[in-house]
Amino acid sequence: MSFRFEAASPATPWCTLHLTGLVTAEDLRVMIQTQIEHDAWTSGALIDTTAATGMRQGYSDLTEQVRYIERISQSLPPRGAVAILAPSDDIFGMARMYQSAQDAVLGLHLEVFRSREEAEAYLRRAGR
């Protein structure tokens, strides 16, 4: 997997993380670290999985990812809104499991969408 980080701009006041290929748990940790390193933790984030071919992980991997976020975010300010764009059925299902785990463990909320329009509308509303 690879991803491309796109910083927030006046037109899109959230960062975008474009995921491609097969996504692993390690890829997600690197993606989170990149967001922190670019001082984009508090801005909204669009995680675009349009070019991803699948996710190689199970529910235990996802809950470990959430625990990783819990550990590293203790010294960070509150996280901005997160929208996951997941048009494929497989990735949409995994993203919904991630959403459930994050809500349960961290009390942080993210939303999963099938269309870019819905995801961007959510981020615009959340950024007010």
N, C-alpha and C. Protein backbone atom coordinates (compact mmCIF):
# COMPACT_ATOMS: atom_id res chain seq x y z
N MET A 1 0.84 -1.17 0.00
CA MET A 1 0.00 0.00 0.00
C MET A 1 0.88 1.22 0.00
N SER A 2 0.37 2.22 -0.58
CA SER A 2 1.00 3.53 -0.47
C SER A 2 -0.10 4.55 -0.26
N PHE A 3 0.30 5.70 0.21
CA PHE A 3 -0.68 6.75 0.35
C PHE A 3 -0.01 8.08 0.07
N ARG A 4 -0.84 9.02 -0.24
CA ARG A 4 -0.38 10.38 -0.51
C ARG A 4 -1.10 11.31 0.44
N PHE A 5 -0.34 12.14 1.12
CA PHE A 5 -0.89 13.12 2.05
C PHE A 5 -1.09 14.43 1.32
N GLU A 6 -2.26 15.00 1.47
CA GLU A 6 -2.59 16.30 0.87
C GLU A 6 -3.01 17.23 2.00
N ALA A 7 -2.28 18.30 2.20
CA ALA A 7 -2.56 19.23 3.30
C ALA A 7 -3.86 19.99 3.06
N ALA A 8 -4.40 20.51 4.14
CA ALA A 8 -5.60 21.35 4.05
C ALA A 8 -5.28 22.59 3.23
N SER A 9 -6.32 23.16 2.64
CA SER A 9 -6.18 24.38 1.84
C SER A 9 -7.42 25.23 2.06
N PRO A 10 -7.43 26.46 1.56
CA PRO A 10 -8.64 27.27 1.70
C PRO A 10 -9.87 26.61 1.05
N ALA A 11 -9.67 25.90 -0.05
CA ALA A 11 -10.79 25.25 -0.72
C ALA A 11 -11.25 24.00 0.02
N THR A 12 -10.33 23.28 0.61
CA THR A 12 -10.66 22.08 1.40
C THR A 12 -9.96 22.20 2.75
N PRO A 13 -10.66 22.68 3.77
CA PRO A 13 -10.03 22.92 5.07
C PRO A 13 -9.83 21.64 5.90
N TRP A 14 -9.52 20.56 5.24
CA TRP A 14 -9.19 19.29 5.89
C TRP A 14 -8.05 18.66 5.08
N CYS A 15 -7.28 17.81 5.73
CA CYS A 15 -6.24 17.09 5.00
C CYS A 15 -6.90 15.87 4.34
N THR A 16 -6.26 15.39 3.29
CA THR A 16 -6.76 14.20 2.61
C THR A 16 -5.64 13.18 2.56
N LEU A 17 -5.97 11.95 2.90
CA LEU A 17 -5.03 10.84 2.84
C LEU A 17 -5.57 9.88 1.79
N HIS A 18 -4.89 9.81 0.65
CA HIS A 18 -5.31 8.96 -0.46
C HIS A 18 -4.62 7.60 -0.32
N LEU A 19 -5.39 6.54 -0.07
CA LEU A 19 -4.84 5.20 0.09
C LEU A 19 -4.93 4.45 -1.23
N THR A 20 -3.88 3.69 -1.55
CA THR A 20 -3.89 2.88 -2.77
C THR A 20 -3.40 1.48 -2.44
N GLY A 21 -3.84 0.52 -3.24
CA GLY A 21 -3.39 -0.86 -3.08
C GLY A 21 -4.03 -1.55 -1.89
N LEU A 22 -3.34 -2.57 -1.39
CA LEU A 22 -3.81 -3.36 -0.26
C LEU A 22 -3.39 -2.67 1.04
N VAL A 23 -4.35 -2.34 1.90
CA VAL A 23 -4.11 -1.60 3.13
C VAL A 23 -3.91 -2.57 4.30
N THR A 24 -2.82 -2.36 5.05
CA THR A 24 -2.53 -3.20 6.23
C THR A 24 -2.64 -2.35 7.50
N ALA A 25 -2.60 -3.01 8.64
CA ALA A 25 -2.65 -2.32 9.92
C ALA A 25 -1.44 -1.38 10.06
N GLU A 26 -0.26 -1.82 9.63
CA GLU A 26 0.93 -0.98 9.70
C GLU A 26 0.75 0.27 8.84
N ASP A 27 0.14 0.13 7.68
CA ASP A 27 -0.12 1.29 6.82
C ASP A 27 -0.97 2.33 7.55
N LEU A 28 -1.97 1.86 8.28
CA LEU A 28 -2.84 2.79 9.01
C LEU A 28 -2.07 3.52 10.10
N ARG A 29 -1.15 2.84 10.77
CA ARG A 29 -0.33 3.50 11.79
C ARG A 29 0.56 4.56 11.16
N VAL A 30 1.16 4.25 10.03
CA VAL A 30 2.00 5.22 9.34
C VAL A 30 1.16 6.42 8.88
N MET A 31 -0.04 6.15 8.42
CA MET A 31 -0.93 7.22 7.98
C MET A 31 -1.26 8.17 9.15
N ILE A 32 -1.55 7.61 10.32
CA ILE A 32 -1.85 8.42 11.50
C ILE A 32 -0.62 9.24 11.89
N GLN A 33 0.55 8.61 11.89
CA GLN A 33 1.78 9.31 12.24
C GLN A 33 2.06 10.45 11.26
N THR A 34 1.80 10.24 9.99
CA THR A 34 2.00 11.29 8.99
C THR A 34 1.08 12.48 9.27
N GLN A 35 -0.16 12.19 9.63
CA GLN A 35 -1.10 13.25 9.96
C GLN A 35 -0.57 14.08 11.13
N ILE A 36 -0.03 13.42 12.14
CA ILE A 36 0.51 14.13 13.31
C ILE A 36 1.74 14.94 12.92
N GLU A 37 2.65 14.34 12.14
CA GLU A 37 3.88 15.02 11.74
C GLU A 37 3.61 16.27 10.90
N HIS A 38 2.50 16.28 10.17
CA HIS A 38 2.15 17.44 9.34
C HIS A 38 1.23 18.42 10.08
N ASP A 39 1.16 18.30 11.41
CA ASP A 39 0.31 19.17 12.23
C ASP A 39 -1.12 19.22 11.72
N ALA A 40 -1.62 18.07 11.31
CA ALA A 40 -2.97 17.99 10.76
C ALA A 40 -3.91 17.20 11.67
N TRP A 41 -3.50 16.93 12.89
CA TRP A 41 -4.30 16.14 13.81
C TRP A 41 -5.62 16.84 14.16
N THR A 42 -5.56 18.15 14.35
CA THR A 42 -6.76 18.86 14.79
C THR A 42 -7.64 19.32 13.64
N SER A 43 -7.11 19.31 12.43
CA SER A 43 -7.95 19.65 11.28
C SER A 43 -8.77 18.42 10.90
N GLY A 44 -9.78 18.60 10.13
CA GLY A 44 -10.53 17.45 9.65
C GLY A 44 -9.65 16.60 8.74
N ALA A 45 -10.09 15.37 8.53
CA ALA A 45 -9.33 14.47 7.65
C ALA A 45 -10.30 13.66 6.80
N LEU A 46 -10.00 13.61 5.52
CA LEU A 46 -10.72 12.74 4.59
C LEU A 46 -9.78 11.59 4.25
N ILE A 47 -10.19 10.39 4.59
CA ILE A 47 -9.40 9.20 4.26
C ILE A 47 -10.06 8.59 3.03
N ASP A 48 -9.40 8.75 1.89
CA ASP A 48 -9.95 8.36 0.60
C ASP A 48 -9.43 6.98 0.20
N THR A 49 -10.31 5.99 0.23
CA THR A 49 -9.92 4.62 -0.12
C THR A 49 -10.36 4.24 -1.53
N THR A 50 -10.69 5.22 -2.34
CA THR A 50 -11.18 4.95 -3.69
C THR A 50 -10.23 4.06 -4.49
N ALA A 51 -8.92 4.28 -4.34
CA ALA A 51 -7.93 3.51 -5.11
C ALA A 51 -7.38 2.31 -4.33
N ALA A 52 -7.91 2.05 -3.15
CA ALA A 52 -7.46 0.88 -2.37
C ALA A 52 -8.10 -0.38 -2.95
N THR A 53 -7.34 -1.46 -2.96
CA THR A 53 -7.86 -2.72 -3.51
C THR A 53 -8.40 -3.65 -2.43
N GLY A 54 -8.14 -3.36 -1.17
CA GLY A 54 -8.63 -4.18 -0.08
C GLY A 54 -7.92 -3.84 1.20
N MET A 55 -8.36 -4.50 2.28
CA MET A 55 -7.75 -4.30 3.59
C MET A 55 -7.38 -5.65 4.16
N ARG A 56 -6.09 -5.83 4.48
CA ARG A 56 -5.61 -7.08 5.05
C ARG A 56 -5.56 -6.94 6.57
N GLN A 57 -6.71 -7.07 7.19
CA GLN A 57 -6.77 -7.00 8.64
C GLN A 57 -8.13 -7.47 9.12
N GLY A 58 -8.17 -7.87 10.36
CA GLY A 58 -9.41 -8.30 10.98
C GLY A 58 -9.81 -7.34 12.08
N TYR A 59 -10.85 -7.70 12.79
CA TYR A 59 -11.36 -6.82 13.85
C TYR A 59 -10.30 -6.61 14.93
N SER A 60 -9.53 -7.63 15.27
CA SER A 60 -8.50 -7.45 16.31
C SER A 60 -7.43 -6.47 15.86
N ASP A 61 -7.09 -6.47 14.56
CA ASP A 61 -6.14 -5.48 14.03
C ASP A 61 -6.71 -4.08 14.15
N LEU A 62 -8.00 -3.94 13.86
CA LEU A 62 -8.63 -2.63 13.94
C LEU A 62 -8.69 -2.12 15.37
N THR A 63 -9.02 -3.00 16.32
CA THR A 63 -9.06 -2.55 17.71
C THR A 63 -7.65 -2.22 18.21
N GLU A 64 -6.63 -2.94 17.74
CA GLU A 64 -5.25 -2.59 18.09
C GLU A 64 -4.89 -1.22 17.52
N GLN A 65 -5.35 -0.92 16.31
CA GLN A 65 -5.13 0.40 15.71
C GLN A 65 -5.75 1.49 16.59
N VAL A 66 -6.94 1.24 17.07
CA VAL A 66 -7.62 2.21 17.92
C VAL A 66 -6.85 2.38 19.24
N ARG A 67 -6.34 1.30 19.79
CA ARG A 67 -5.54 1.41 21.02
C ARG A 67 -4.24 2.17 20.75
N TYR A 68 -3.66 1.99 19.58
CA TYR A 68 -2.47 2.75 19.18
C TYR A 68 -2.80 4.24 19.16
N ILE A 69 -3.93 4.60 18.57
CA ILE A 69 -4.35 6.01 18.54
C ILE A 69 -4.56 6.53 19.96
N GLU A 70 -5.14 5.69 20.80
CA GLU A 70 -5.36 6.09 22.20
C GLU A 70 -4.03 6.42 22.88
N ARG A 71 -3.02 5.58 22.68
CA ARG A 71 -1.71 5.79 23.31
C ARG A 71 -1.04 7.06 22.81
N ILE A 72 -1.01 7.26 21.50
CA ILE A 72 -0.26 8.40 20.97
C ILE A 72 -1.01 9.72 21.10
N SER A 73 -2.32 9.67 21.21
CA SER A 73 -3.09 10.92 21.22
C SER A 73 -3.24 11.52 22.61
N GLN A 74 -2.77 10.84 23.64
CA GLN A 74 -2.92 11.36 25.00
C GLN A 74 -2.27 12.71 25.19
N SER A 75 -1.20 12.98 24.46
CA SER A 75 -0.50 14.27 24.60
C SER A 75 -0.87 15.24 23.48
N LEU A 76 -1.85 14.89 22.67
CA LEU A 76 -2.24 15.74 21.55
C LEU A 76 -3.55 16.47 21.84
N PRO A 77 -3.78 17.60 21.18
CA PRO A 77 -5.09 18.26 21.32
C PRO A 77 -6.18 17.40 20.70
N PRO A 78 -7.45 17.74 20.90
CA PRO A 78 -8.54 16.94 20.34
C PRO A 78 -8.41 16.76 18.83
N ARG A 79 -8.80 15.60 18.37
CA ARG A 79 -8.73 15.28 16.95
C ARG A 79 -9.86 15.95 16.19
N GLY A 80 -9.57 16.36 14.96
CA GLY A 80 -10.59 16.93 14.10
C GLY A 80 -11.50 15.84 13.56
N ALA A 81 -12.55 16.25 12.89
CA ALA A 81 -13.51 15.31 12.30
C ALA A 81 -12.82 14.43 11.26
N VAL A 82 -13.24 13.17 11.18
CA VAL A 82 -12.67 12.23 10.23
C VAL A 82 -13.80 11.63 9.40
N ALA A 83 -13.63 11.66 8.08
CA ALA A 83 -14.56 11.03 7.16
C ALA A 83 -13.78 10.02 6.33
N ILE A 84 -14.30 8.80 6.25
CA ILE A 84 -13.68 7.77 5.42
C ILE A 84 -14.54 7.61 4.18
N LEU A 85 -13.94 7.80 3.02
CA LEU A 85 -14.61 7.58 1.75
C LEU A 85 -14.31 6.15 1.32
N ALA A 86 -15.35 5.31 1.34
CA ALA A 86 -15.18 3.88 1.08
C ALA A 86 -16.25 3.39 0.10
N PRO A 87 -16.04 3.58 -1.19
CA PRO A 87 -17.07 3.17 -2.15
C PRO A 87 -17.21 1.65 -2.33
N SER A 88 -16.14 0.88 -2.07
CA SER A 88 -16.24 -0.58 -2.27
C SER A 88 -16.89 -1.24 -1.05
N ASP A 89 -17.62 -2.31 -1.28
CA ASP A 89 -18.32 -3.02 -0.21
C ASP A 89 -17.37 -3.53 0.87
N ASP A 90 -16.26 -4.17 0.45
CA ASP A 90 -15.32 -4.75 1.41
C ASP A 90 -14.73 -3.68 2.33
N ILE A 91 -14.23 -2.63 1.74
CA ILE A 91 -13.59 -1.58 2.54
C ILE A 91 -14.63 -0.82 3.36
N PHE A 92 -15.81 -0.62 2.82
CA PHE A 92 -16.88 0.03 3.57
C PHE A 92 -17.17 -0.78 4.85
N GLY A 93 -17.28 -2.09 4.74
CA GLY A 93 -17.53 -2.94 5.90
C GLY A 93 -16.42 -2.86 6.93
N MET A 94 -15.16 -2.89 6.48
CA MET A 94 -14.03 -2.78 7.40
C MET A 94 -14.01 -1.40 8.07
N ALA A 95 -14.31 -0.36 7.29
CA ALA A 95 -14.32 0.99 7.84
C ALA A 95 -15.42 1.14 8.89
N ARG A 96 -16.54 0.50 8.69
CA ARG A 96 -17.62 0.54 9.68
C ARG A 96 -17.20 -0.19 10.96
N MET A 97 -16.46 -1.28 10.84
CA MET A 97 -15.94 -1.96 12.04
C MET A 97 -14.95 -1.04 12.77
N TYR A 98 -14.10 -0.35 12.02
CA TYR A 98 -13.15 0.59 12.61
C TYR A 98 -13.91 1.71 13.32
N GLN A 99 -14.97 2.20 12.70
CA GLN A 99 -15.81 3.23 13.30
C GLN A 99 -16.36 2.75 14.64
N SER A 100 -16.86 1.54 14.68
CA SER A 100 -17.43 0.97 15.90
C SER A 100 -16.37 0.84 16.99
N ALA A 101 -15.20 0.34 16.63
CA ALA A 101 -14.12 0.16 17.60
C ALA A 101 -13.64 1.51 18.13
N GLN A 102 -13.53 2.50 17.27
CA GLN A 102 -13.06 3.81 17.70
C GLN A 102 -14.07 4.47 18.63
N ASP A 103 -15.34 4.36 18.31
CA ASP A 103 -16.39 4.90 19.18
C ASP A 103 -16.34 4.23 20.56
N ALA A 104 -16.22 2.91 20.58
CA ALA A 104 -16.26 2.14 21.83
C ALA A 104 -15.04 2.41 22.70
N VAL A 105 -13.86 2.44 22.12
CA VAL A 105 -12.62 2.54 22.91
C VAL A 105 -12.27 4.00 23.22
N LEU A 106 -12.37 4.87 22.23
CA LEU A 106 -11.90 6.25 22.39
C LEU A 106 -13.00 7.27 22.62
N GLY A 107 -14.20 6.92 22.25
CA GLY A 107 -15.26 7.93 22.29
C GLY A 107 -15.08 8.98 21.21
N LEU A 108 -14.18 8.72 20.26
CA LEU A 108 -13.99 9.62 19.12
C LEU A 108 -14.90 9.17 17.99
N HIS A 109 -15.38 10.12 17.27
CA HIS A 109 -16.35 9.80 16.24
C HIS A 109 -15.74 10.02 14.86
N LEU A 110 -16.05 9.13 13.97
CA LEU A 110 -15.74 9.30 12.56
C LEU A 110 -16.93 8.78 11.78
N GLU A 111 -17.03 9.17 10.55
CA GLU A 111 -18.14 8.75 9.69
C GLU A 111 -17.58 8.06 8.46
N VAL A 112 -18.34 7.13 7.93
CA VAL A 112 -17.97 6.38 6.73
C VAL A 112 -19.00 6.70 5.65
N PHE A 113 -18.51 7.00 4.46
CA PHE A 113 -19.38 7.40 3.35
C PHE A 113 -19.03 6.64 2.08
N ARG A 114 -20.01 6.48 1.23
CA ARG A 114 -19.83 5.86 -0.08
C ARG A 114 -19.44 6.88 -1.14
N SER A 115 -19.85 8.15 -0.96
CA SER A 115 -19.58 9.16 -2.00
C SER A 115 -18.74 10.31 -1.44
N ARG A 116 -17.92 10.87 -2.30
CA ARG A 116 -17.09 12.02 -1.94
C ARG A 116 -17.95 13.21 -1.52
N GLU A 117 -19.06 13.42 -2.21
CA GLU A 117 -19.94 14.55 -1.91
C GLU A 117 -20.44 14.48 -0.47
N GLU A 118 -20.88 13.28 -0.04
CA GLU A 118 -21.36 13.11 1.33
C GLU A 118 -20.24 13.33 2.35
N ALA A 119 -19.07 12.77 2.07
CA ALA A 119 -17.93 12.90 2.98
C ALA A 119 -17.52 14.36 3.13
N GLU A 120 -17.43 15.07 2.02
CA GLU A 120 -17.02 16.48 2.08
C GLU A 120 -18.08 17.34 2.75
N ALA A 121 -19.35 17.05 2.53
CA ALA A 121 -20.42 17.80 3.20
C ALA A 121 -20.32 17.61 4.71
N TYR A 122 -20.05 16.38 5.15
CA TYR A 122 -19.88 16.12 6.58
C TYR A 122 -18.71 16.93 7.15
N LEU A 123 -17.58 16.94 6.46
CA LEU A 123 -16.40 17.67 6.95
C LEU A 123 -16.67 19.18 6.98
N ARG A 124 -17.39 19.68 6.00
CA ARG A 124 -17.74 21.11 6.01
C ARG A 124 -18.62 21.44 7.23
N ARG A 125 -19.62 20.60 7.51
CA ARG A 125 -20.49 20.83 8.67
C ARG A 125 -19.70 20.72 9.96
N ALA A 126 -18.82 19.74 10.06
CA ALA A 126 -18.05 19.51 11.29
C ALA A 126 -17.04 20.62 11.55
N GLY A 127 -16.60 21.29 10.49
CA GLY A 127 -15.58 22.33 10.63
C GLY A 127 -16.13 23.68 11.06
N ARG A 128 -17.41 23.79 11.20
CA ARG A 128 -18.00 25.09 11.61
C ARG A 128 -17.83 25.35 13.06
